[in-house]
Amino acid sequence: MIAKQKNLPLLFSGGGIDSKYSEADTFIQTLNELSKYLKIKIDKKQILIEDRSLNSFENAKYTKEILQKRGILDPKIILVTSVYHMKRAIRIYRYFGMKVEPSATDFLIN
């Protein structure tokens, strides 16, 4: 929804140990289902996939490579991840030279 509202590309990051079905594949499948349910038009050219990473460090590393290949040399990203992982993820993405705006999800309430 953030990408749609701000007209930004959407990058799904996550490989996993099963080379036949990555985390990114799961995101895309969910996005396709949501688009049908919510009747949202998705511009496939605005969706980028990083499906090689096995951890957050590689998520950031491969994301940076994808952005550089698209000519984005000083990336400013909106990082969407679980609030549980956010602090660590911000540090990792900053390590790779990205400016990060956090957008946490998955808040747990007791």
PDB file of N, CA and C in Angstrom:
ATOM      1  N   MET A   1       0.831  -1.194   0.000  1.00  0.00           N
ATOM      2  CA  MET A   1       0.000   0.000   0.000  1.00  0.00           C
ATOM      3  C   MET A   1       0.874   1.256   0.000  1.00  0.00           C
ATOM      4  N   ILE A   2       1.995   1.223   0.710  1.00  0.00           N
ATOM      5  CA  ILE A   2       2.897   2.375   0.742  1.00  0.00           C
ATOM      6  C   ILE A   2       3.441   2.646  -0.658  1.00  0.00           C
ATOM      7  N   ALA A   3       3.884   1.608  -1.327  1.00  0.00           N
ATOM      8  CA  ALA A   3       4.432   1.770  -2.679  1.00  0.00           C
ATOM      9  C   ALA A   3       3.377   2.338  -3.622  1.00  0.00           C
ATOM     10  N   LYS A   4       2.164   1.847  -3.513  1.00  0.00           N
ATOM     11  CA  LYS A   4       1.080   2.326  -4.373  1.00  0.00           C
ATOM     12  C   LYS A   4       0.773   3.794  -4.080  1.00  0.00           C
ATOM     13  N   GLN A   5       0.672   4.149  -2.799  1.00  0.00           N
ATOM     14  CA  GLN A   5       0.343   5.518  -2.422  1.00  0.00           C
ATOM     15  C   GLN A   5       1.417   6.510  -2.856  1.00  0.00           C
ATOM     16  N   LYS A   6       2.669   6.098  -2.799  1.00  0.00           N
ATOM     17  CA  LYS A   6       3.771   7.000  -3.115  1.00  0.00           C
ATOM     18  C   LYS A   6       4.332   6.793  -4.517  1.00  0.00           C
ATOM     19  N   ASN A   7       3.696   5.896  -5.279  1.00  0.00           N
ATOM     20  CA  ASN A   7       4.133   5.584  -6.642  1.00  0.00           C
ATOM     21  C   ASN A   7       5.618   5.206  -6.685  1.00  0.00           C
ATOM     22  N   LEU A   8       5.980   4.247  -5.840  1.00  0.00           N
ATOM     23  CA  LEU A   8       7.350   3.772  -5.748  1.00  0.00           C
ATOM     24  C   LEU A   8       7.437   2.326  -6.233  1.00  0.00           C
ATOM     25  N   PRO A   9       8.613   1.924  -6.690  1.00  0.00           N
ATOM     26  CA  PRO A   9       8.781   0.499  -6.997  1.00  0.00           C
ATOM     27  C   PRO A   9       8.728  -0.313  -5.705  1.00  0.00           C
ATOM     28  N   LEU A  10       8.363  -1.569  -5.836  1.00  0.00           N
ATOM     29  CA  LEU A  10       8.225  -2.463  -4.700  1.00  0.00           C
ATOM     30  C   LEU A  10       9.227  -3.592  -4.876  1.00  0.00           C
ATOM     31  N   LEU A  11      10.117  -3.759  -3.902  1.00  0.00           N
ATOM     32  CA  LEU A  11      11.125  -4.808  -3.984  1.00  0.00           C
ATOM     33  C   LEU A  11      10.852  -5.842  -2.906  1.00  0.00           C
ATOM     34  N   PHE A  12      10.651  -7.072  -3.338  1.00  0.00           N
ATOM     35  CA  PHE A  12      10.475  -8.182  -2.410  1.00  0.00           C
ATOM     36  C   PHE A  12      11.804  -8.871  -2.252  1.00  0.00           C
ATOM     37  N   SER A  13      12.224  -9.061  -1.003  1.00  0.00           N
ATOM     38  CA  SER A  13      13.527  -9.642  -0.741  1.00  0.00           C
ATOM     39  C   SER A  13      13.378 -10.875   0.138  1.00  0.00           C
ATOM     40  N   GLY A  14      13.996 -11.964  -0.285  1.00  0.00           N
ATOM     41  CA  GLY A  14      14.014 -13.176   0.524  1.00  0.00           C
ATOM     42  C   GLY A  14      14.096 -14.407  -0.334  1.00  0.00           C
ATOM     43  N   GLY A  15      15.123 -15.184  -0.126  1.00  0.00           N
ATOM     44  CA  GLY A  15      15.305 -16.414  -0.884  1.00  0.00           C
ATOM     45  C   GLY A  15      14.781 -17.602  -0.106  1.00  0.00           C
ATOM     46  N   GLY A  16      15.596 -18.101   0.764  1.00  0.00           N
ATOM     47  CA  GLY A  16      15.236 -19.283   1.532  1.00  0.00           C
ATOM     48  C   GLY A  16      16.027 -20.483   1.055  1.00  0.00           C
ATOM     49  N   ILE A  17      15.953 -21.547   1.802  1.00  0.00           N
ATOM     50  CA  ILE A  17      16.766 -22.719   1.469  1.00  0.00           C
ATOM     51  C   ILE A  17      16.151 -23.582   0.380  1.00  0.00           C
ATOM     52  N   ASP A  18      14.852 -23.431   0.127  1.00  0.00           N
ATOM     53  CA  ASP A  18      14.199 -24.186  -0.940  1.00  0.00           C
ATOM     54  C   ASP A  18      14.297 -23.393  -2.226  1.00  0.00           C
ATOM     55  N   SER A  19      15.156 -23.815  -3.124  1.00  0.00           N
ATOM     56  CA  SER A  19      15.406 -23.058  -4.351  1.00  0.00           C
ATOM     57  C   SER A  19      14.218 -23.063  -5.312  1.00  0.00           C
ATOM     58  N   LYS A  20      13.232 -23.916  -5.064  1.00  0.00           N
ATOM     59  CA  LYS A  20      12.070 -23.976  -5.955  1.00  0.00           C
ATOM     60  C   LYS A  20      10.999 -22.951  -5.585  1.00  0.00           C
ATOM     61  N   TYR A  21      11.000 -22.512  -4.329  1.00  0.00           N
ATOM     62  CA  TYR A  21       9.947 -21.596  -3.876  1.00  0.00           C
ATOM     63  C   TYR A  21      10.531 -20.675  -2.813  1.00  0.00           C
ATOM     64  N   SER A  22      10.747 -19.430  -3.160  1.00  0.00           N
ATOM     65  CA  SER A  22      11.412 -18.484  -2.263  1.00  0.00           C
ATOM     66  C   SER A  22      10.402 -17.671  -1.449  1.00  0.00           C
ATOM     67  N   GLU A  23      10.919 -16.964  -0.454  1.00  0.00           N
ATOM     68  CA  GLU A  23      10.084 -16.020   0.301  1.00  0.00           C
ATOM     69  C   GLU A  23       9.489 -14.983  -0.644  1.00  0.00           C
ATOM     70  N   ALA A  24      10.287 -14.525  -1.595  1.00  0.00           N
ATOM     71  CA  ALA A  24       9.809 -13.530  -2.564  1.00  0.00           C
ATOM     72  C   ALA A  24       8.634 -14.085  -3.366  1.00  0.00           C
ATOM     73  N   ASP A  25       8.692 -15.370  -3.714  1.00  0.00           N
ATOM     74  CA  ASP A  25       7.569 -15.996  -4.425  1.00  0.00           C
ATOM     75  C   ASP A  25       6.288 -15.925  -3.595  1.00  0.00           C
ATOM     76  N   THR A  26       6.428 -16.156  -2.293  1.00  0.00           N
ATOM     77  CA  THR A  26       5.276 -16.090  -1.394  1.00  0.00           C
ATOM     78  C   THR A  26       4.699 -14.685  -1.370  1.00  0.00           C
ATOM     79  N   PHE A  27       5.572 -13.674  -1.313  1.00  0.00           N
ATOM     80  CA  PHE A  27       5.105 -12.290  -1.331  1.00  0.00           C
ATOM     81  C   PHE A  27       4.335 -11.986  -2.608  1.00  0.00           C
ATOM     82  N   ILE A  28       4.882 -12.417  -3.734  1.00  0.00           N
ATOM     83  CA  ILE A  28       4.227 -12.153  -5.019  1.00  0.00           C
ATOM     84  C   ILE A  28       2.879 -12.849  -5.090  1.00  0.00           C
ATOM     85  N   GLN A  29       2.819 -14.082  -4.636  1.00  0.00           N
ATOM     86  CA  GLN A  29       1.556 -14.817  -4.640  1.00  0.00           C
ATOM     87  C   GLN A  29       0.520 -14.096  -3.774  1.00  0.00           C
ATOM     88  N   THR A  30       0.939 -13.650  -2.608  1.00  0.00           N
ATOM     89  CA  THR A  30       0.032 -12.919  -1.724  1.00  0.00           C
ATOM     90  C   THR A  30      -0.409 -11.606  -2.352  1.00  0.00           C
ATOM     91  N   LEU A  31       0.522 -10.893  -2.975  1.00  0.00           N
ATOM     92  CA  LEU A  31       0.186  -9.634  -3.637  1.00  0.00           C
ATOM     93  C   LEU A  31      -0.832  -9.859  -4.752  1.00  0.00           C
ATOM     94  N   ASN A  32      -0.646 -10.904  -5.538  1.00  0.00           N
ATOM     95  CA  ASN A  32      -1.595 -11.216  -6.607  1.00  0.00           C
ATOM     96  C   ASN A  32      -2.984 -11.512  -6.056  1.00  0.00           C
ATOM     97  N   GLU A  33      -3.045 -12.267  -4.967  1.00  0.00           N
ATOM     98  CA  GLU A  33      -4.338 -12.572  -4.358  1.00  0.00           C
ATOM     99  C   GLU A  33      -4.992 -11.319  -3.790  1.00  0.00           C
ATOM    100  N   LEU A  34      -4.194 -10.477  -3.124  1.00  0.00           N
ATOM    101  CA  LEU A  34      -4.739  -9.238  -2.588  1.00  0.00           C
ATOM    102  C   LEU A  34      -5.240  -8.311  -3.684  1.00  0.00           C
ATOM    103  N   SER A  35      -4.493  -8.267  -4.792  1.00  0.00           N
ATOM    104  CA  SER A  35      -4.894  -7.371  -5.879  1.00  0.00           C
ATOM    105  C   SER A  35      -6.255  -7.772  -6.445  1.00  0.00           C
ATOM    106  N   LYS A  36      -6.523  -9.065  -6.486  1.00  0.00           N
ATOM    107  CA  LYS A  36      -7.828  -9.533  -6.966  1.00  0.00           C
ATOM    108  C   LYS A  36      -8.919  -9.201  -5.953  1.00  0.00           C
ATOM    109  N   TYR A  37      -8.624  -9.461  -4.695  1.00  0.00           N
ATOM    110  CA  TYR A  37      -9.597  -9.232  -3.632  1.00  0.00           C
ATOM    111  C   TYR A  37      -9.907  -7.752  -3.462  1.00  0.00           C
ATOM    112  N   LEU A  38      -8.858  -6.922  -3.470  1.00  0.00           N
ATOM    113  CA  LEU A  38      -9.031  -5.485  -3.261  1.00  0.00           C
ATOM    114  C   LEU A  38      -9.234  -4.713  -4.559  1.00  0.00           C
ATOM    115  N   LYS A  39      -9.172  -5.437  -5.667  1.00  0.00           N
ATOM    116  CA  LYS A  39      -9.332  -4.842  -6.997  1.00  0.00           C
ATOM    117  C   LYS A  39      -8.319  -3.715  -7.228  1.00  0.00           C
ATOM    118  N   ILE A  40      -7.053  -4.031  -6.935  1.00  0.00           N
ATOM    119  CA  ILE A  40      -5.952  -3.095  -7.121  1.00  0.00           C
ATOM    120  C   ILE A  40      -5.190  -3.500  -8.371  1.00  0.00           C
ATOM    121  N   LYS A  41      -4.940  -2.544  -9.245  1.00  0.00           N
ATOM    122  CA  LYS A  41      -4.148  -2.817 -10.436  1.00  0.00           C
ATOM    123  C   LYS A  41      -2.664  -2.749 -10.068  1.00  0.00           C
ATOM    124  N   ILE A  42      -1.920  -3.781 -10.456  1.00  0.00           N
ATOM    125  CA  ILE A  42      -0.500  -3.858 -10.137  1.00  0.00           C
ATOM    126  C   ILE A  42       0.312  -3.706 -11.418  1.00  0.00           C
ATOM    127  N   ASP A  43       1.223  -2.750 -11.396  1.00  0.00           N
ATOM    128  CA  ASP A  43       2.129  -2.552 -12.509  1.00  0.00           C
ATOM    129  C   ASP A  43       3.340  -3.452 -12.302  1.00  0.00           C
ATOM    130  N   LYS A  44       3.424  -4.542 -13.061  1.00  0.00           N
ATOM    131  CA  LYS A  44       4.493  -5.532 -12.879  1.00  0.00           C
ATOM    132  C   LYS A  44       5.884  -4.926 -13.088  1.00  0.00           C
ATOM    133  N   LYS A  45       5.968  -3.825 -13.829  1.00  0.00           N
ATOM    134  CA  LYS A  45       7.259  -3.166 -14.044  1.00  0.00           C
ATOM    135  C   LYS A  45       7.764  -2.491 -12.775  1.00  0.00           C
ATOM    136  N   GLN A  46       6.862  -2.239 -11.833  1.00  0.00           N
ATOM    137  CA  GLN A  46       7.214  -1.580 -10.579  1.00  0.00           C
ATOM    138  C   GLN A  46       7.608  -2.584  -9.492  1.00  0.00           C
ATOM    139  N   ILE A  47       7.602  -3.880  -9.818  1.00  0.00           N
ATOM    140  CA  ILE A  47       7.917  -4.904  -8.833  1.00  0.00           C
ATOM    141  C   ILE A  47       9.289  -5.499  -9.130  1.00  0.00           C
ATOM    142  N   LEU A  48      10.151  -5.462  -8.132  1.00  0.00           N
ATOM    143  CA  LEU A  48      11.494  -6.024  -8.237  1.00  0.00           C
ATOM    144  C   LEU A  48      11.589  -7.220  -7.288  1.00  0.00           C
ATOM    145  N   ILE A  49      12.357  -8.224  -7.691  1.00  0.00           N
ATOM    146  CA  ILE A  49      12.475  -9.446  -6.905  1.00  0.00           C
ATOM    147  C   ILE A  49      13.934  -9.718  -6.553  1.00  0.00           C
ATOM    148  N   GLU A  50      14.177  -9.972  -5.291  1.00  0.00           N
ATOM    149  CA  GLU A  50      15.477 -10.450  -4.824  1.00  0.00           C
ATOM    150  C   GLU A  50      15.197 -11.799  -4.174  1.00  0.00           C
ATOM    151  N   ASP A  51      15.625 -12.872  -4.819  1.00  0.00           N
ATOM    152  CA  ASP A  51      15.270 -14.201  -4.320  1.00  0.00           C
ATOM    153  C   ASP A  51      16.481 -15.097  -4.040  1.00  0.00           C
ATOM    154  N   ARG A  52      17.633 -14.478  -3.778  1.00  0.00           N
ATOM    155  CA  ARG A  52      18.843 -15.262  -3.501  1.00  0.00           C
ATOM    156  C   ARG A  52      19.224 -15.285  -2.028  1.00  0.00           C
ATOM    157  N   SER A  53      18.750 -14.324  -1.256  1.00  0.00           N
ATOM    158  CA  SER A  53      19.235 -14.146   0.113  1.00  0.00           C
ATOM    159  C   SER A  53      18.750 -15.237   1.059  1.00  0.00           C
ATOM    160  N   LEU A  54      19.589 -15.509   2.049  1.00  0.00           N
ATOM    161  CA  LEU A  54      19.256 -16.478   3.090  1.00  0.00           C
ATOM    162  C   LEU A  54      19.125 -15.832   4.459  1.00  0.00           C
ATOM    163  N   ASN A  55      19.451 -14.522   4.549  1.00  0.00           N
ATOM    164  CA  ASN A  55      19.367 -13.816   5.823  1.00  0.00           C
ATOM    165  C   ASN A  55      19.264 -12.316   5.559  1.00  0.00           C
ATOM    166  N   SER A  56      19.121 -11.540   6.620  1.00  0.00           N
ATOM    167  CA  SER A  56      18.934 -10.091   6.484  1.00  0.00           C
ATOM    168  C   SER A  56      20.152  -9.402   5.863  1.00  0.00           C
ATOM    169  N   PHE A  57      21.352  -9.864   6.203  1.00  0.00           N
ATOM    170  CA  PHE A  57      22.562  -9.288   5.628  1.00  0.00           C
ATOM    171  C   PHE A  57      22.540  -9.438   4.107  1.00  0.00           C
ATOM    172  N   GLU A  58      22.211 -10.634   3.634  1.00  0.00           N
ATOM    173  CA  GLU A  58      22.138 -10.857   2.186  1.00  0.00           C
ATOM    174  C   GLU A  58      20.956 -10.125   1.567  1.00  0.00           C
ATOM    175  N   ASN A  59      19.835  -9.991   2.302  1.00  0.00           N
ATOM    176  CA  ASN A  59      18.702  -9.192   1.796  1.00  0.00           C
ATOM    177  C   ASN A  59      19.196  -7.808   1.398  1.00  0.00           C
ATOM    178  N   ALA A  60      19.911  -7.162   2.304  1.00  0.00           N
ATOM    179  CA  ALA A  60      20.401  -5.805   2.063  1.00  0.00           C
ATOM    180  C   ALA A  60      21.458  -5.782   0.952  1.00  0.00           C
ATOM    181  N   LYS A  61      22.377  -6.709   0.989  1.00  0.00           N
ATOM    182  CA  LYS A  61      23.449  -6.770  -0.014  1.00  0.00           C
ATOM    183  C   LYS A  61      22.879  -6.915  -1.424  1.00  0.00           C
ATOM    184  N   TYR A  62      21.979  -7.865  -1.603  1.00  0.00           N
ATOM    185  CA  TYR A  62      21.427  -8.102  -2.942  1.00  0.00           C
ATOM    186  C   TYR A  62      20.452  -7.008  -3.362  1.00  0.00           C
ATOM    187  N   THR A  63      19.755  -6.421  -2.383  1.00  0.00           N
ATOM    188  CA  THR A  63      18.888  -5.289  -2.689  1.00  0.00           C
ATOM    189  C   THR A  63      19.720  -4.138  -3.240  1.00  0.00           C
ATOM    190  N   LYS A  64      20.823  -3.855  -2.587  1.00  0.00           N
ATOM    191  CA  LYS A  64      21.720  -2.776  -3.058  1.00  0.00           C
ATOM    192  C   LYS A  64      22.188  -3.055  -4.486  1.00  0.00           C
ATOM    193  N   GLU A  65      22.548  -4.298  -4.788  1.00  0.00           N
ATOM    194  CA  GLU A  65      22.989  -4.653  -6.141  1.00  0.00           C
ATOM    195  C   GLU A  65      21.886  -4.412  -7.168  1.00  0.00           C
ATOM    196  N   ILE A  66      20.667  -4.811  -6.830  1.00  0.00           N
ATOM    197  CA  ILE A  66      19.531  -4.613  -7.748  1.00  0.00           C
ATOM    198  C   ILE A  66      19.314  -3.129  -8.002  1.00  0.00           C
ATOM    199  N   LEU A  67      19.345  -2.330  -6.951  1.00  0.00           N
ATOM    200  CA  LEU A  67      19.131  -0.894  -7.097  1.00  0.00           C
ATOM    201  C   LEU A  67      20.243  -0.251  -7.918  1.00  0.00           C
ATOM    202  N   GLN A  68      21.481  -0.660  -7.691  1.00  0.00           N
ATOM    203  CA  GLN A  68      22.603  -0.125  -8.471  1.00  0.00           C
ATOM    204  C   GLN A  68      22.455  -0.458  -9.954  1.00  0.00           C
ATOM    205  N   LYS A  69      22.021  -1.665 -10.270  1.00  0.00           N
ATOM    206  CA  LYS A  69      21.815  -2.058 -11.674  1.00  0.00           C
ATOM    207  C   LYS A  69      20.745  -1.201 -12.337  1.00  0.00           C
ATOM    208  N   ARG A  70      19.803  -0.686 -11.545  1.00  0.00           N
ATOM    209  CA  ARG A  70      18.754   0.191 -12.067  1.00  0.00           C
ATOM    210  C   ARG A  70      19.181   1.660 -12.056  1.00  0.00           C
ATOM    211  N   GLY A  71      20.451   1.906 -11.676  1.00  0.00           N
ATOM    212  CA  GLY A  71      20.968   3.268 -11.691  1.00  0.00           C
ATOM    213  C   GLY A  71      20.687   4.058 -10.430  1.00  0.00           C
ATOM    214  N   ILE A  72      20.224   3.385  -9.391  1.00  0.00           N
ATOM    215  CA  ILE A  72      19.940   4.052  -8.121  1.00  0.00           C
ATOM    216  C   ILE A  72      21.167   3.882  -7.245  1.00  0.00           C
ATOM    217  N   LEU A  73      22.019   4.906  -7.219  1.00  0.00           N
ATOM    218  CA  LEU A  73      23.307   4.790  -6.548  1.00  0.00           C
ATOM    219  C   LEU A  73      23.295   5.257  -5.103  1.00  0.00           C
ATOM    220  N   ASP A  74      22.341   6.096  -4.748  1.00  0.00           N
ATOM    221  CA  ASP A  74      22.219   6.609  -3.386  1.00  0.00           C
ATOM    222  C   ASP A  74      20.793   6.327  -2.905  1.00  0.00           C
ATOM    223  N   PRO A  75      20.476   5.036  -2.678  1.00  0.00           N
ATOM    224  CA  PRO A  75      19.078   4.668  -2.435  1.00  0.00           C
ATOM    225  C   PRO A  75      18.514   5.162  -1.114  1.00  0.00           C
ATOM    226  N   LYS A  76      17.281   5.617  -1.199  1.00  0.00           N
ATOM    227  CA  LYS A  76      16.475   5.943  -0.030  1.00  0.00           C
ATOM    228  C   LYS A  76      15.318   4.960  -0.070  1.00  0.00           C
ATOM    229  N   ILE A  77      15.205   4.135   0.956  1.00  0.00           N
ATOM    230  CA  ILE A  77      14.197   3.081   0.939  1.00  0.00           C
ATOM    231  C   ILE A  77      13.242   3.211   2.107  1.00  0.00           C
ATOM    232  N   ILE A  78      12.059   2.668   1.926  1.00  0.00           N
ATOM    233  CA  ILE A  78      11.119   2.473   3.017  1.00  0.00           C
ATOM    234  C   ILE A  78      11.210   0.983   3.336  1.00  0.00           C
ATOM    235  N   LEU A  79      11.747   0.687   4.490  1.00  0.00           N
ATOM    236  CA  LEU A  79      11.984  -0.694   4.892  1.00  0.00           C
ATOM    237  C   LEU A  79      10.782  -1.218   5.664  1.00  0.00           C
ATOM    238  N   VAL A  80      10.137  -2.230   5.109  1.00  0.00           N
ATOM    239  CA  VAL A  80       8.975  -2.831   5.744  1.00  0.00           C
ATOM    240  C   VAL A  80       9.382  -4.212   6.246  1.00  0.00           C
ATOM    241  N   THR A  81       9.326  -4.368   7.546  1.00  0.00           N
ATOM    242  CA  THR A  81       9.622  -5.659   8.169  1.00  0.00           C
ATOM    243  C   THR A  81       8.985  -5.690   9.547  1.00  0.00           C
ATOM    244  N   SER A  82       9.044  -6.832  10.172  1.00  0.00           N
ATOM    245  CA  SER A  82       8.503  -6.998  11.514  1.00  0.00           C
ATOM    246  C   SER A  82       9.188  -6.045  12.485  1.00  0.00           C
ATOM    247  N   VAL A  83       8.423  -5.494  13.403  1.00  0.00           N
ATOM    248  CA  VAL A  83       8.991  -4.607  14.418  1.00  0.00           C
ATOM    249  C   VAL A  83      10.089  -5.333  15.189  1.00  0.00           C
ATOM    250  N   TYR A  84       9.967  -6.629  15.332  1.00  0.00           N
ATOM    251  CA  TYR A  84      10.959  -7.431  16.050  1.00  0.00           C
ATOM    252  C   TYR A  84      12.326  -7.375  15.365  1.00  0.00           C
ATOM    253  N   HIS A  85      12.336  -7.307  14.041  1.00  0.00           N
ATOM    254  CA  HIS A  85      13.584  -7.301  13.269  1.00  0.00           C
ATOM    255  C   HIS A  85      14.046  -5.901  12.852  1.00  0.00           C
ATOM    256  N   MET A  86      13.221  -4.899  13.041  1.00  0.00           N
ATOM    257  CA  MET A  86      13.463  -3.593  12.441  1.00  0.00           C
ATOM    258  C   MET A  86      14.794  -2.961  12.852  1.00  0.00           C
ATOM    259  N   LYS A  87      15.097  -2.909  14.124  1.00  0.00           N
ATOM    260  CA  LYS A  87      16.306  -2.229  14.591  1.00  0.00           C
ATOM    261  C   LYS A  87      17.558  -2.828  13.921  1.00  0.00           C
ATOM    262  N   ARG A  88      17.626  -4.142  13.908  1.00  0.00           N
ATOM    263  CA  ARG A  88      18.764  -4.831  13.290  1.00  0.00           C
ATOM    264  C   ARG A  88      18.774  -4.603  11.781  1.00  0.00           C
ATOM    265  N   ALA A  89      17.618  -4.693  11.153  1.00  0.00           N
ATOM    266  CA  ALA A  89      17.532  -4.521   9.698  1.00  0.00           C
ATOM    267  C   ALA A  89      17.972  -3.115   9.280  1.00  0.00           C
ATOM    268  N   ILE A  90      17.576  -2.111  10.033  1.00  0.00           N
ATOM    269  CA  ILE A  90      17.989  -0.736   9.725  1.00  0.00           C
ATOM    270  C   ILE A  90      19.510  -0.638   9.726  1.00  0.00           C
ATOM    271  N   ARG A  91      20.135  -1.180  10.755  1.00  0.00           N
ATOM    272  CA  ARG A  91      21.605  -1.125  10.826  1.00  0.00           C
ATOM    273  C   ARG A  91      22.250  -1.814   9.629  1.00  0.00           C
ATOM    274  N   ILE A  92      21.712  -2.938   9.221  1.00  0.00           N
ATOM    275  CA  ILE A  92      22.290  -3.675   8.091  1.00  0.00           C
ATOM    276  C   ILE A  92      22.120  -2.895   6.793  1.00  0.00           C
ATOM    277  N   TYR A  93      20.938  -2.382   6.539  1.00  0.00           N
ATOM    278  CA  TYR A  93      20.717  -1.631   5.296  1.00  0.00           C
ATOM    279  C   TYR A  93      21.556  -0.359   5.272  1.00  0.00           C
ATOM    280  N   ARG A  94      21.706   0.285   6.406  1.00  0.00           N
ATOM    281  CA  ARG A  94      22.578   1.474   6.479  1.00  0.00           C
ATOM    282  C   ARG A  94      24.038   1.088   6.231  1.00  0.00           C
ATOM    283  N   TYR A  95      24.449  -0.062   6.704  1.00  0.00           N
ATOM    284  CA  TYR A  95      25.811  -0.559   6.464  1.00  0.00           C
ATOM    285  C   TYR A  95      26.101  -0.602   4.962  1.00  0.00           C
ATOM    286  N   PHE A  96      25.087  -0.946   4.171  1.00  0.00           N
ATOM    287  CA  PHE A  96      25.249  -1.009   2.723  1.00  0.00           C
ATOM    288  C   PHE A  96      24.981   0.336   2.045  1.00  0.00           C
ATOM    289  N   GLY A  97      24.877   1.401   2.832  1.00  0.00           N
ATOM    290  CA  GLY A  97      24.803   2.746   2.287  1.00  0.00           C
ATOM    291  C   GLY A  97      23.423   3.232   1.904  1.00  0.00           C
ATOM    292  N   MET A  98      22.391   2.585   2.413  1.00  0.00           N
ATOM    293  CA  MET A  98      21.032   3.014   2.085  1.00  0.00           C
ATOM    294  C   MET A  98      20.479   3.902   3.195  1.00  0.00           C
ATOM    295  N   LYS A  99      19.742   4.913   2.788  1.00  0.00           N
ATOM    296  CA  LYS A  99      19.010   5.738   3.746  1.00  0.00           C
ATOM    297  C   LYS A  99      17.688   5.017   3.996  1.00  0.00           C
ATOM    298  N   VAL A 100      17.353   4.836   5.268  1.00  0.00           N
ATOM    299  CA  VAL A 100      16.228   3.975   5.622  1.00  0.00           C
ATOM    300  C   VAL A 100      15.136   4.751   6.346  1.00  0.00           C
ATOM    301  N   GLU A 101      13.921   4.618   5.847  1.00  0.00           N
ATOM    302  CA  GLU A 101      12.726   5.070   6.558  1.00  0.00           C
ATOM    303  C   GLU A 101      12.003   3.801   7.012  1.00  0.00           C
ATOM    304  N   PRO A 102      11.942   3.552   8.314  1.00  0.00           N
ATOM    305  CA  PRO A 102      11.314   2.315   8.783  1.00  0.00           C
ATOM    306  C   PRO A 102       9.792   2.371   8.695  1.00  0.00           C
ATOM    307  N   SER A 103       9.204   1.226   8.379  1.00  0.00           N
ATOM    308  CA  SER A 103       7.767   1.053   8.396  1.00  0.00           C
ATOM    309  C   SER A 103       7.493  -0.341   8.983  1.00  0.00           C
ATOM    310  N   ALA A 104       7.418  -0.392  10.294  1.00  0.00           N
ATOM    311  CA  ALA A 104       7.317  -1.670  10.992  1.00  0.00           C
ATOM    312  C   ALA A 104       5.929  -2.284  10.887  1.00  0.00           C
ATOM    313  N   THR A 105       5.915  -3.601  10.921  1.00  0.00           N
ATOM    314  CA  THR A 105       4.668  -4.376  10.896  1.00  0.00           C
ATOM    315  C   THR A 105       4.736  -5.413  12.011  1.00  0.00           C
ATOM    316  N   ASP A 106       3.668  -6.170  12.130  1.00  0.00           N
ATOM    317  CA  ASP A 106       3.636  -7.359  12.988  1.00  0.00           C
ATOM    318  C   ASP A 106       3.891  -7.032  14.463  1.00  0.00           C
ATOM    319  N   PHE A 107       3.207  -6.004  14.944  1.00  0.00           N
ATOM    320  CA  PHE A 107       3.316  -5.666  16.359  1.00  0.00           C
ATOM    321  C   PHE A 107       2.572  -6.715  17.176  1.00  0.00           C
ATOM    322  N   LEU A 108       3.184  -7.194  18.237  1.00  0.00           N
ATOM    323  CA  LEU A 108       2.547  -8.159  19.120  1.00  0.00           C
ATOM    324  C   LEU A 108       2.099  -7.453  20.384  1.00  0.00           C
ATOM    325  N   ILE A 109       0.885  -7.731  20.800  1.00  0.00           N
ATOM    326  CA  ILE A 109       0.338  -7.106  21.988  1.00  0.00           C
ATOM    327  C   ILE A 109      -0.101  -8.208  22.945  1.00  0.00           C
ATOM    328  N   ASN A 110       0.324  -8.105  24.199  1.00  0.00           N
ATOM    329  CA  ASN A 110      -0.082  -9.076  25.212  1.00  0.00           C
ATOM    330  C   ASN A 110      -1.438  -8.702  25.769  1.00  0.00           C
TER     331      ASN A 110
END
